[in-house]
PDB file of N, CA and C in Angstrom:
ATOM      1  N   MET A   1       0.828  -1.196   0.000  1.00  0.00           N
ATOM      2  CA  MET A   1       0.000   0.000   0.000  1.00  0.00           C
ATOM      3  C   MET A   1       0.870   1.256   0.000  1.00  0.00           C
ATOM      4  N   PHE A   2       1.870   1.245   0.858  1.00  0.00           N
ATOM      5  CA  PHE A   2       2.772   2.392   0.924  1.00  0.00           C
ATOM      6  C   PHE A   2       3.485   2.596  -0.412  1.00  0.00           C
ATOM      7  N   LYS A   3       3.849   1.496  -1.058  1.00  0.00           N
ATOM      8  CA  LYS A   3       4.562   1.569  -2.335  1.00  0.00           C
ATOM      9  C   LYS A   3       3.689   2.254  -3.392  1.00  0.00           C
ATOM     10  N   ARG A   4       2.406   1.900  -3.477  1.00  0.00           N
ATOM     11  CA  ARG A   4       1.491   2.518  -4.456  1.00  0.00           C
ATOM     12  C   ARG A   4       1.294   3.998  -4.150  1.00  0.00           C
ATOM     13  N   LEU A   5       1.122   4.317  -2.905  1.00  0.00           N
ATOM     14  CA  LEU A   5       0.933   5.705  -2.499  1.00  0.00           C
ATOM     15  C   LEU A   5       2.171   6.534  -2.824  1.00  0.00           C
ATOM     16  N   PHE A   6       3.332   5.975  -2.554  1.00  0.00           N
ATOM     17  CA  PHE A   6       4.586   6.663  -2.836  1.00  0.00           C
ATOM     18  C   PHE A   6       4.769   6.888  -4.339  1.00  0.00           C
ATOM     19  N   CYS A   7       4.492   5.853  -5.146  1.00  0.00           N
ATOM     20  CA  CYS A   7       4.620   5.972  -6.608  1.00  0.00           C
ATOM     21  C   CYS A   7       3.630   6.993  -7.161  1.00  0.00           C
ATOM     22  N   SER A   8       2.407   6.975  -6.649  1.00  0.00           N
ATOM     23  CA  SER A   8       1.410   7.950  -7.108  1.00  0.00           C
ATOM     24  C   SER A   8       1.847   9.368  -6.779  1.00  0.00           C
ATOM     25  N   ALA A   9       2.341   9.570  -5.575  1.00  0.00           N
ATOM     26  CA  ALA A   9       2.807  10.897  -5.178  1.00  0.00           C
ATOM     27  C   ALA A   9       3.989  11.336  -6.039  1.00  0.00           C
ATOM     28  N   LEU A  10       4.860  10.411  -6.363  1.00  0.00           N
ATOM     29  CA  LEU A  10       6.016  10.727  -7.200  1.00  0.00           C
ATOM     30  C   LEU A  10       5.595  11.131  -8.605  1.00  0.00           C
ATOM     31  N   VAL A  11       4.665  10.371  -9.189  1.00  0.00           N
ATOM     32  CA  VAL A  11       4.187  10.678 -10.544  1.00  0.00           C
ATOM     33  C   VAL A  11       3.486  12.022 -10.578  1.00  0.00           C
ATOM     34  N   PHE A  12       2.557  12.252  -9.650  1.00  0.00           N
ATOM     35  CA  PHE A  12       1.822  13.517  -9.649  1.00  0.00           C
ATOM     36  C   PHE A  12       2.719  14.695  -9.284  1.00  0.00           C
ATOM     37  N   GLY A  13       3.684  14.475  -8.432  1.00  0.00           N
ATOM     38  CA  GLY A  13       4.634  15.531  -8.090  1.00  0.00           C
ATOM     39  C   GLY A  13       5.496  15.921  -9.279  1.00  0.00           C
ATOM     40  N   ALA A  14       5.940  14.924 -10.040  1.00  0.00           N
ATOM     41  CA  ALA A  14       6.738  15.203 -11.236  1.00  0.00           C
ATOM     42  C   ALA A  14       5.904  15.952 -12.273  1.00  0.00           C
ATOM     43  N   ALA A  15       4.645  15.565 -12.417  1.00  0.00           N
ATOM     44  CA  ALA A  15       3.764  16.240 -13.372  1.00  0.00           C
ATOM     45  C   ALA A  15       3.538  17.698 -12.976  1.00  0.00           C
ATOM     46  N   ALA A  16       3.479  17.955 -11.693  1.00  0.00           N
ATOM     47  CA  ALA A  16       3.265  19.325 -11.223  1.00  0.00           C
ATOM     48  C   ALA A  16       4.480  20.208 -11.481  1.00  0.00           C
ATOM     49  N   LEU A  17       5.664  19.620 -11.550  1.00  0.00           N
ATOM     50  CA  LEU A  17       6.883  20.391 -11.798  1.00  0.00           C
ATOM     51  C   LEU A  17       7.146  20.646 -13.275  1.00  0.00           C
ATOM     52  N   ALA A  18       6.440  19.953 -14.155  1.00  0.00           N
ATOM     53  CA  ALA A  18       6.657  20.114 -15.595  1.00  0.00           C
ATOM     54  C   ALA A  18       6.231  21.512 -16.026  1.00  0.00           C
ATOM     55  N   PRO A  19       6.940  22.084 -17.027  1.00  0.00           N
ATOM     56  CA  PRO A  19       6.538  23.407 -17.501  1.00  0.00           C
ATOM     57  C   PRO A  19       5.191  23.344 -18.200  1.00  0.00           C
ATOM     58  N   PRO A  20       4.438  24.431 -18.187  1.00  0.00           N
ATOM     59  CA  PRO A  20       3.127  24.421 -18.830  1.00  0.00           C
ATOM     60  C   PRO A  20       3.272  24.315 -20.346  1.00  0.00           C
ATOM     61  N   ALA A  21       2.341  23.630 -20.959  1.00  0.00           N
ATOM     62  CA  ALA A  21       2.341  23.508 -22.419  1.00  0.00           C
ATOM     63  C   ALA A  21       1.843  24.813 -23.016  1.00  0.00           C
ATOM     64  N   THR A  22       2.530  25.267 -24.040  1.00  0.00           N
ATOM     65  CA  THR A  22       2.110  26.484 -24.722  1.00  0.00           C
ATOM     66  C   THR A  22       1.734  26.154 -26.152  1.00  0.00           C
ATOM     67  N   ALA A  23       0.712  26.783 -26.643  1.00  0.00           N
ATOM     68  CA  ALA A  23       0.292  26.562 -28.019  1.00  0.00           C
ATOM     69  C   ALA A  23       1.251  27.282 -28.956  1.00  0.00           C
ATOM     70  N   GLN A  24       1.626  26.584 -30.007  1.00  0.00           N
ATOM     71  CA  GLN A  24       2.500  27.205 -30.990  1.00  0.00           C
ATOM     72  C   GLN A  24       1.638  27.930 -32.010  1.00  0.00           C
ATOM     73  N   THR A  25       1.975  29.171 -32.265  1.00  0.00           N
ATOM     74  CA  THR A  25       1.262  29.929 -33.273  1.00  0.00           C
ATOM     75  C   THR A  25       2.167  30.112 -34.467  1.00  0.00           C
ATOM     76  N   LEU A  26       1.581  30.072 -35.633  1.00  0.00           N
ATOM     77  CA  LEU A  26       2.357  30.228 -36.851  1.00  0.00           C
ATOM     78  C   LEU A  26       2.644  31.702 -37.086  1.00  0.00           C
ATOM     79  N   PRO A  27       3.891  32.045 -37.445  1.00  0.00           N
ATOM     80  CA  PRO A  27       4.180  33.444 -37.762  1.00  0.00           C
ATOM     81  C   PRO A  27       3.548  33.803 -39.111  1.00  0.00           C
ATOM     82  N   CYS A  28       2.681  34.789 -39.133  1.00  0.00           N
ATOM     83  CA  CYS A  28       1.977  35.181 -40.353  1.00  0.00           C
ATOM     84  C   CYS A  28       2.326  36.619 -40.721  1.00  0.00           C
ATOM     85  N   VAL A  29       2.541  36.851 -42.007  1.00  0.00           N
ATOM     86  CA  VAL A  29       2.881  38.167 -42.541  1.00  0.00           C
ATOM     87  C   VAL A  29       2.221  38.314 -43.914  1.00  0.00           C
ATOM     88  N   PRO A  30       2.142  39.523 -44.441  1.00  0.00           N
ATOM     89  CA  PRO A  30       1.629  39.676 -45.803  1.00  0.00           C
ATOM     90  C   PRO A  30       2.500  38.890 -46.794  1.00  0.00           C
ATOM     91  N   ARG A  31       1.871  38.207 -47.740  1.00  0.00           N
ATOM     92  CA  ARG A  31       2.595  37.349 -48.673  1.00  0.00           C
ATOM     93  C   ARG A  31       3.663  38.105 -49.446  1.00  0.00           C
ATOM     94  N   ASP A  32       3.352  39.289 -49.931  1.00  0.00           N
ATOM     95  CA  ASP A  32       4.327  40.055 -50.711  1.00  0.00           C
ATOM     96  C   ASP A  32       5.591  40.337 -49.905  1.00  0.00           C
ATOM     97  N   SER A  33       5.427  40.676 -48.625  1.00  0.00           N
ATOM     98  CA  SER A  33       6.587  40.940 -47.767  1.00  0.00           C
ATOM     99  C   SER A  33       7.405  39.669 -47.559  1.00  0.00           C
ATOM    100  N   LEU A  34       6.729  38.556 -47.346  1.00  0.00           N
ATOM    101  CA  LEU A  34       7.424  37.291 -47.137  1.00  0.00           C
ATOM    102  C   LEU A  34       8.194  36.884 -48.389  1.00  0.00           C
ATOM    103  N   ALA A  35       7.554  36.949 -49.546  1.00  0.00           N
ATOM    104  CA  ALA A  35       8.204  36.567 -50.795  1.00  0.00           C
ATOM    105  C   ALA A  35       9.428  37.442 -51.071  1.00  0.00           C
ATOM    106  N   GLU A  36       9.287  38.738 -50.848  1.00  0.00           N
ATOM    107  CA  GLU A  36      10.401  39.657 -51.058  1.00  0.00           C
ATOM    108  C   GLU A  36      11.557  39.357 -50.098  1.00  0.00           C
ATOM    109  N   GLY A  37      11.227  39.104 -48.850  1.00  0.00           N
ATOM    110  CA  GLY A  37      12.251  38.794 -47.855  1.00  0.00           C
ATOM    111  C   GLY A  37      12.979  37.497 -48.153  1.00  0.00           C
ATOM    112  N   LEU A  38      12.238  36.461 -48.562  1.00  0.00           N
ATOM    113  CA  LEU A  38      12.873  35.186 -48.891  1.00  0.00           C
ATOM    114  C   LEU A  38      13.807  35.326 -50.092  1.00  0.00           C
ATOM    115  N   ALA A  39      13.391  36.098 -51.079  1.00  0.00           N
ATOM    116  CA  ALA A  39      14.219  36.294 -52.272  1.00  0.00           C
ATOM    117  C   ALA A  39      15.476  37.100 -51.951  1.00  0.00           C
ATOM    118  N   GLN A  40      15.335  38.179 -51.198  1.00  0.00           N
ATOM    119  CA  GLN A  40      16.477  39.049 -50.919  1.00  0.00           C
ATOM    120  C   GLN A  40      17.420  38.476 -49.873  1.00  0.00           C
ATOM    121  N   THR A  41      16.879  37.903 -48.811  1.00  0.00           N
ATOM    122  CA  THR A  41      17.709  37.437 -47.701  1.00  0.00           C
ATOM    123  C   THR A  41      18.328  36.070 -47.956  1.00  0.00           C
ATOM    124  N   TYR A  42      17.542  35.150 -48.515  1.00  0.00           N
ATOM    125  CA  TYR A  42      18.015  33.779 -48.671  1.00  0.00           C
ATOM    126  C   TYR A  42      18.191  33.339 -50.119  1.00  0.00           C
ATOM    127  N   GLY A  43      17.807  34.186 -51.067  1.00  0.00           N
ATOM    128  CA  GLY A  43      17.907  33.816 -52.474  1.00  0.00           C
ATOM    129  C   GLY A  43      16.922  32.722 -52.855  1.00  0.00           C
ATOM    130  N   GLU A  44      15.840  32.593 -52.082  1.00  0.00           N
ATOM    131  CA  GLU A  44      14.856  31.548 -52.359  1.00  0.00           C
ATOM    132  C   GLU A  44      13.877  32.002 -53.432  1.00  0.00           C
ATOM    133  N   ARG A  45      13.375  31.021 -54.163  1.00  0.00           N
ATOM    134  CA  ARG A  45      12.332  31.278 -55.164  1.00  0.00           C
ATOM    135  C   ARG A  45      11.315  30.149 -55.073  1.00  0.00           C
ATOM    136  N   GLN A  46      10.133  30.402 -55.572  1.00  0.00           N
ATOM    137  CA  GLN A  46       9.071  29.411 -55.488  1.00  0.00           C
ATOM    138  C   GLN A  46       9.358  28.267 -56.458  1.00  0.00           C
ATOM    139  N   ILE A  47       9.297  27.031 -55.936  1.00  0.00           N
ATOM    140  CA  ILE A  47       9.491  25.874 -56.817  1.00  0.00           C
ATOM    141  C   ILE A  47       8.226  25.042 -56.949  1.00  0.00           C
ATOM    142  N   GLY A  48       7.228  25.319 -56.134  1.00  0.00           N
ATOM    143  CA  GLY A  48       5.997  24.555 -56.233  1.00  0.00           C
ATOM    144  C   GLY A  48       4.917  25.123 -55.344  1.00  0.00           C
ATOM    145  N   ALA A  49       3.681  24.721 -55.650  1.00  0.00           N
ATOM    146  CA  ALA A  49       2.529  25.157 -54.862  1.00  0.00           C
ATOM    147  C   ALA A  49       1.381  24.210 -55.142  1.00  0.00           C
ATOM    148  N   GLY A  50       0.440  24.149 -54.213  1.00  0.00           N
ATOM    149  CA  GLY A  50      -0.748  23.330 -54.396  1.00  0.00           C
ATOM    150  C   GLY A  50      -1.828  23.771 -53.426  1.00  0.00           C
ATOM    151  N   LEU A  51      -3.064  23.459 -53.782  1.00  0.00           N
ATOM    152  CA  LEU A  51      -4.194  23.848 -52.949  1.00  0.00           C
ATOM    153  C   LEU A  51      -4.403  22.851 -51.824  1.00  0.00           C
ATOM    154  N   GLN A  52      -4.615  23.370 -50.630  1.00  0.00           N
ATOM    155  CA  GLN A  52      -5.012  22.576 -49.476  1.00  0.00           C
ATOM    156  C   GLN A  52      -6.429  23.012 -49.172  1.00  0.00           C
ATOM    157  N   GLY A  53      -7.368  22.332 -49.744  1.00  0.00           N
ATOM    158  CA  GLY A  53      -8.756  22.750 -49.638  1.00  0.00           C
ATOM    159  C   GLY A  53      -9.019  23.871 -50.639  1.00  0.00           C
ATOM    160  N   PRO A  54     -10.220  24.413 -50.624  1.00  0.00           N
ATOM    161  CA  PRO A  54     -10.563  25.420 -51.626  1.00  0.00           C
ATOM    162  C   PRO A  54      -9.972  26.805 -51.372  1.00  0.00           C
ATOM    163  N   PHE A  55      -9.458  27.074 -50.181  1.00  0.00           N
ATOM    164  CA  PHE A  55      -9.046  28.438 -49.861  1.00  0.00           C
ATOM    165  C   PHE A  55      -7.631  28.582 -49.330  1.00  0.00           C
ATOM    166  N   ARG A  56      -6.816  27.533 -49.360  1.00  0.00           N
ATOM    167  CA  ARG A  56      -5.460  27.622 -48.807  1.00  0.00           C
ATOM    168  C   ARG A  56      -4.465  27.141 -49.848  1.00  0.00           C
ATOM    169  N   LEU A  57      -3.460  27.960 -50.104  1.00  0.00           N
ATOM    170  CA  LEU A  57      -2.411  27.632 -51.053  1.00  0.00           C
ATOM    171  C   LEU A  57      -1.138  27.313 -50.285  1.00  0.00           C
ATOM    172  N   VAL A  58      -0.608  26.107 -50.452  1.00  0.00           N
ATOM    173  CA  VAL A  58       0.653  25.714 -49.834  1.00  0.00           C
ATOM    174  C   VAL A  58       1.766  26.014 -50.828  1.00  0.00           C
ATOM    175  N   GLU A  59       2.765  26.780 -50.392  1.00  0.00           N
ATOM    176  CA  GLU A  59       3.871  27.167 -51.280  1.00  0.00           C
ATOM    177  C   GLU A  59       5.193  26.648 -50.734  1.00  0.00           C
ATOM    178  N   VAL A  60       6.064  26.233 -51.641  1.00  0.00           N
ATOM    179  CA  VAL A  60       7.401  25.773 -51.287  1.00  0.00           C
ATOM    180  C   VAL A  60       8.404  26.663 -52.002  1.00  0.00           C
ATOM    181  N   TRP A  61       9.288  27.272 -51.230  1.00  0.00           N
ATOM    182  CA  TRP A  61      10.341  28.136 -51.753  1.00  0.00           C
ATOM    183  C   TRP A  61      11.685  27.548 -51.340  1.00  0.00           C
ATOM    184  N   THR A  62      12.652  27.543 -52.251  1.00  0.00           N
ATOM    185  CA  THR A  62      13.979  27.004 -51.935  1.00  0.00           C
ATOM    186  C   THR A  62      15.057  27.833 -52.616  1.00  0.00           C
ATOM    187  N   SER A  63      16.292  27.596 -52.194  1.00  0.00           N
ATOM    188  CA  SER A  63      17.457  28.205 -52.828  1.00  0.00           C
ATOM    189  C   SER A  63      18.468  27.104 -53.125  1.00  0.00           C
ATOM    190  N   ALA A  64      18.826  26.944 -54.388  1.00  0.00           N
ATOM    191  CA  ALA A  64      19.836  25.957 -54.772  1.00  0.00           C
ATOM    192  C   ALA A  64      21.212  26.366 -54.252  1.00  0.00           C
ATOM    193  N   GLU A  65      21.456  27.673 -54.113  1.00  0.00           N
ATOM    194  CA  GLU A  65      22.761  28.158 -53.663  1.00  0.00           C
ATOM    195  C   GLU A  65      22.981  27.928 -52.170  1.00  0.00           C
ATOM    196  N   THR A  66      21.976  28.247 -51.360  1.00  0.00           N
ATOM    197  CA  THR A  66      22.144  28.143 -49.911  1.00  0.00           C
ATOM    198  C   THR A  66      21.589  26.846 -49.333  1.00  0.00           C
ATOM    199  N   GLY A  67      20.712  26.161 -50.075  1.00  0.00           N
ATOM    200  CA  GLY A  67      20.092  24.931 -49.580  1.00  0.00           C
ATOM    201  C   GLY A  67      18.970  25.172 -48.592  1.00  0.00           C
ATOM    202  N   THR A  68      18.570  26.424 -48.394  1.00  0.00           N
ATOM    203  CA  THR A  68      17.487  26.715 -47.458  1.00  0.00           C
ATOM    204  C   THR A  68      16.135  26.469 -48.126  1.00  0.00           C
ATOM    205  N   PHE A  69      15.118  26.256 -47.286  1.00  0.00           N
ATOM    206  CA  PHE A  69      13.763  26.115 -47.803  1.00  0.00           C
ATOM    207  C   PHE A  69      12.769  26.701 -46.816  1.00  0.00           C
ATOM    208  N   THR A  70      11.634  27.127 -47.358  1.00  0.00           N
ATOM    209  CA  THR A  70      10.536  27.661 -46.558  1.00  0.00           C
ATOM    210  C   THR A  70       9.239  27.125 -47.137  1.00  0.00           C
ATOM    211  N   ILE A  71       8.377  26.632 -46.269  1.00  0.00           N
ATOM    212  CA  ILE A  71       7.058  26.159 -46.676  1.00  0.00           C
ATOM    213  C   ILE A  71       6.041  27.006 -45.914  1.00  0.00           C
ATOM    214  N   PHE A  72       5.114  27.593 -46.641  1.00  0.00           N
ATOM    215  CA  PHE A  72       4.102  28.424 -45.985  1.00  0.00           C
ATOM    216  C   PHE A  72       2.758  28.269 -46.662  1.00  0.00           C
ATOM    217  N   ILE A  73       1.720  28.664 -45.928  1.00  0.00           N
ATOM    218  CA  ILE A  73       0.344  28.608 -46.410  1.00  0.00           C
ATOM    219  C   ILE A  73      -0.143  30.030 -46.614  1.00  0.00           C
ATOM    220  N   THR A  74      -0.736  30.289 -47.775  1.00  0.00           N
ATOM    221  CA  THR A  74      -1.276  31.608 -48.069  1.00  0.00           C
ATOM    222  C   THR A  74      -2.793  31.542 -48.073  1.00  0.00           C
ATOM    223  N   GLU A  75      -3.397  32.448 -47.330  1.00  0.00           N
ATOM    224  CA  GLU A  75      -4.850  32.541 -47.223  1.00  0.00           C
ATOM    225  C   GLU A  75      -5.376  33.521 -48.277  1.00  0.00           C
ATOM    226  N   PRO A  76      -6.669  33.476 -48.592  1.00  0.00           N
ATOM    227  CA  PRO A  76      -7.230  34.373 -49.604  1.00  0.00           C
ATOM    228  C   PRO A  76      -7.020  35.860 -49.324  1.00  0.00           C
ATOM    229  N   GLY A  77      -6.927  36.263 -48.074  1.00  0.00           N
ATOM    230  CA  GLY A  77      -6.740  37.667 -47.737  1.00  0.00           C
ATOM    231  C   GLY A  77      -5.331  38.188 -48.010  1.00  0.00           C
ATOM    232  N   GLY A  78      -4.431  37.315 -48.452  1.00  0.00           N
ATOM    233  CA  GLY A  78      -3.074  37.754 -48.763  1.00  0.00           C
ATOM    234  C   GLY A  78      -2.074  37.538 -47.638  1.00  0.00           C
ATOM    235  N   TRP A  79      -2.496  36.934 -46.535  1.00  0.00           N
ATOM    236  CA  TRP A  79      -1.590  36.651 -45.419  1.00  0.00           C
ATOM    237  C   TRP A  79      -1.002  35.264 -45.589  1.00  0.00           C
ATOM    238  N   SER A  80       0.279  35.134 -45.302  1.00  0.00           N
ATOM    239  CA  SER A  80       0.969  33.855 -45.385  1.00  0.00           C
ATOM    240  C   SER A  80       1.503  33.470 -44.014  1.00  0.00           C
ATOM    241  N   CYS A  81       1.331  32.200 -43.673  1.00  0.00           N
ATOM    242  CA  CYS A  81       1.793  31.676 -42.384  1.00  0.00           C
ATOM    243  C   CYS A  81       2.861  30.618 -42.635  1.00  0.00           C
ATOM    244  N   ILE A  82       4.027  30.822 -42.035  1.00  0.00           N
ATOM    245  CA  ILE A  82       5.142  29.909 -42.224  1.00  0.00           C
ATOM    246  C   ILE A  82       4.868  28.611 -41.472  1.00  0.00           C
ATOM    247  N   VAL A  83       5.026  27.483 -42.172  1.00  0.00           N
ATOM    248  CA  VAL A  83       4.798  26.165 -41.601  1.00  0.00           C
ATOM    249  C   VAL A  83       6.121  25.496 -41.244  1.00  0.00           C
ATOM    250  N   ALA A  84       7.138  25.645 -42.112  1.00  0.00           N
ATOM    251  CA  ALA A  84       8.425  24.997 -41.865  1.00  0.00           C
ATOM    252  C   ALA A  84       9.533  25.754 -42.583  1.00  0.00           C
ATOM    253  N   THR A  85      10.721  25.736 -41.982  1.00  0.00           N
ATOM    254  CA  THR A  85      11.919  26.276 -42.602  1.00  0.00           C
ATOM    255  C   THR A  85      13.064  25.324 -42.296  1.00  0.00           C
ATOM    256  N   GLY A  86      14.107  25.383 -43.093  1.00  0.00           N
ATOM    257  CA  GLY A  86      15.237  24.510 -42.816  1.00  0.00           C
ATOM    258  C   GLY A  86      16.366  24.669 -43.804  1.00  0.00           C
ATOM    259  N   ASP A  87      17.323  23.757 -43.695  1.00  0.00           N
ATOM    260  CA  ASP A  87      18.520  23.742 -44.537  1.00  0.00           C
ATOM    261  C   ASP A  87      18.640  22.393 -45.245  1.00  0.00           C
ATOM    262  N   HIS A  88      19.602  22.330 -46.145  1.00  0.00           N
ATOM    263  CA  HIS A  88      19.964  21.095 -46.852  1.00  0.00           C
ATOM    264  C   HIS A  88      18.830  20.540 -47.716  1.00  0.00           C
ATOM    265  N   TRP A  89      18.118  21.421 -48.408  1.00  0.00           N
ATOM    266  CA  TRP A  89      17.058  20.997 -49.322  1.00  0.00           C
ATOM    267  C   TRP A  89      17.703  20.315 -50.516  1.00  0.00           C
ATOM    268  N   PHE A  90      17.088  19.223 -50.981  1.00  0.00           N
ATOM    269  CA  PHE A  90      17.542  18.579 -52.206  1.00  0.00           C
ATOM    270  C   PHE A  90      16.330  18.115 -52.984  1.00  0.00           C
ATOM    271  N   VAL A  91      16.523  17.934 -54.269  1.00  0.00           N
ATOM    272  CA  VAL A  91      15.451  17.477 -55.140  1.00  0.00           C
ATOM    273  C   VAL A  91      15.751  16.034 -55.522  1.00  0.00           C
ATOM    274  N   ALA A  92      14.827  15.157 -55.219  1.00  0.00           N
ATOM    275  CA  ALA A  92      14.995  13.736 -55.531  1.00  0.00           C
ATOM    276  C   ALA A  92      14.613  13.483 -56.984  1.00  0.00           C
ATOM    277  N   ASP A  93      15.254  12.496 -57.584  1.00  0.00           N
ATOM    278  CA  ASP A  93      14.883  12.099 -58.938  1.00  0.00           C
ATOM    279  C   ASP A  93      13.501  11.468 -58.909  1.00  0.00           C
ATOM    280  N   PRO A  94      12.659  11.810 -59.876  1.00  0.00           N
ATOM    281  CA  PRO A  94      11.321  11.210 -59.891  1.00  0.00           C
ATOM    282  C   PRO A  94      11.412   9.724 -60.242  1.00  0.00           C
ATOM    283  N   PRO A  95      10.491   8.926 -59.744  1.00  0.00           N
ATOM    284  CA  PRO A  95      10.506   7.485 -60.101  1.00  0.00           C
ATOM    285  C   PRO A  95      10.195   7.327 -61.572  1.00  0.00           C
ATOM    286  N   PRO A  96      10.702   6.250 -62.186  1.00  0.00           N
ATOM    287  CA  PRO A  96      10.421   6.046 -63.602  1.00  0.00           C
ATOM    288  C   PRO A  96       8.929   5.830 -63.818  1.00  0.00           C
ATOM    289  N   GLU A  97       8.455   6.355 -64.932  1.00  0.00           N
ATOM    290  CA  GLU A  97       7.039   6.200 -65.232  1.00  0.00           C
ATOM    291  C   GLU A  97       6.802   4.798 -65.781  1.00  0.00           C
ATOM    292  N   THR A  98       5.663   4.237 -65.454  1.00  0.00           N
ATOM    293  CA  THR A  98       5.322   2.924 -65.948  1.00  0.00           C
ATOM    294  C   THR A  98       4.138   3.049 -66.895  1.00  0.00           C
ATOM    295  N   GLY A  99       4.154   2.216 -67.912  1.00  0.00           N
ATOM    296  CA  GLY A  99       3.046   2.209 -68.863  1.00  0.00           C
ATOM    297  C   GLY A  99       1.884   1.421 -68.316  1.00  0.00           C
ATOM    298  N   PRO A 100       0.778   1.397 -69.061  1.00  0.00           N
ATOM    299  CA  PRO A 100      -0.419   0.692 -68.571  1.00  0.00           C
ATOM    300  C   PRO A 100      -0.227  -0.820 -68.462  1.00  0.00           C
ATOM    301  N   ASP A 101       0.695  -1.406 -69.247  1.00  0.00           N
ATOM    302  CA  ASP A 101       0.881  -2.857 -69.215  1.00  0.00           C
ATOM    303  C   ASP A 101       2.071  -3.289 -68.380  1.00  0.00           C
ATOM    304  N   GLU A 102       2.887  -2.328 -67.936  1.00  0.00           N
ATOM    305  CA  GLU A 102       4.071  -2.686 -67.168  1.00  0.00           C
ATOM    306  C   GLU A 102       3.678  -3.075 -65.744  1.00  0.00           C
ATOM    307  N   GLY A 103       4.361  -4.053 -65.217  1.00  0.00           N
ATOM    308  CA  GLY A 103       4.128  -4.467 -63.849  1.00  0.00           C
ATOM    309  C   GLY A 103       2.932  -5.376 -63.664  1.00  0.00           C
ATOM    310  N   VAL A 104       2.250  -5.724 -64.745  1.00  0.00           N
ATOM    311  CA  VAL A 104       1.098  -6.604 -64.659  1.00  0.00           C
ATOM    312  C   VAL A 104       1.505  -7.970 -65.192  1.00  0.00           C
ATOM    313  N   ALA A 105       1.374  -8.977 -64.370  1.00  0.00           N
ATOM    314  CA  ALA A 105       1.713 -10.332 -64.814  1.00  0.00           C
ATOM    315  C   ALA A 105       0.641 -10.822 -65.766  1.00  0.00           C
ATOM    316  N   GLY A 106       1.051 -11.406 -66.854  1.00  0.00           N
ATOM    317  CA  GLY A 106       0.039 -11.822 -67.801  1.00  0.00           C
ATOM    318  C   GLY A 106       0.325 -13.084 -68.380  1.00  0.00           C
TER     319      GLY A 106
END
């Protein structure tokens, strides 16, 4: 009994000492300012984009010279929120295309 009580007190005591969880907010800025800053500061340019639902555009910007990349979402109002940034970006070779009859045992 003492062992269970001691373990429970230890677990709850450790949980009470943990730092509070904070919600992460995405840094959002006007798209034109972000695009200009990425081009001037990091030499990045847009290499791709796609729709995430009907109202959100996901954009990928990279720099072949510096290897940096930035991925952000642009909303219809012109605001862009950065989702990810990093270094050592590379482009993988696409897989070979297969025809309609390839890979089918016949």
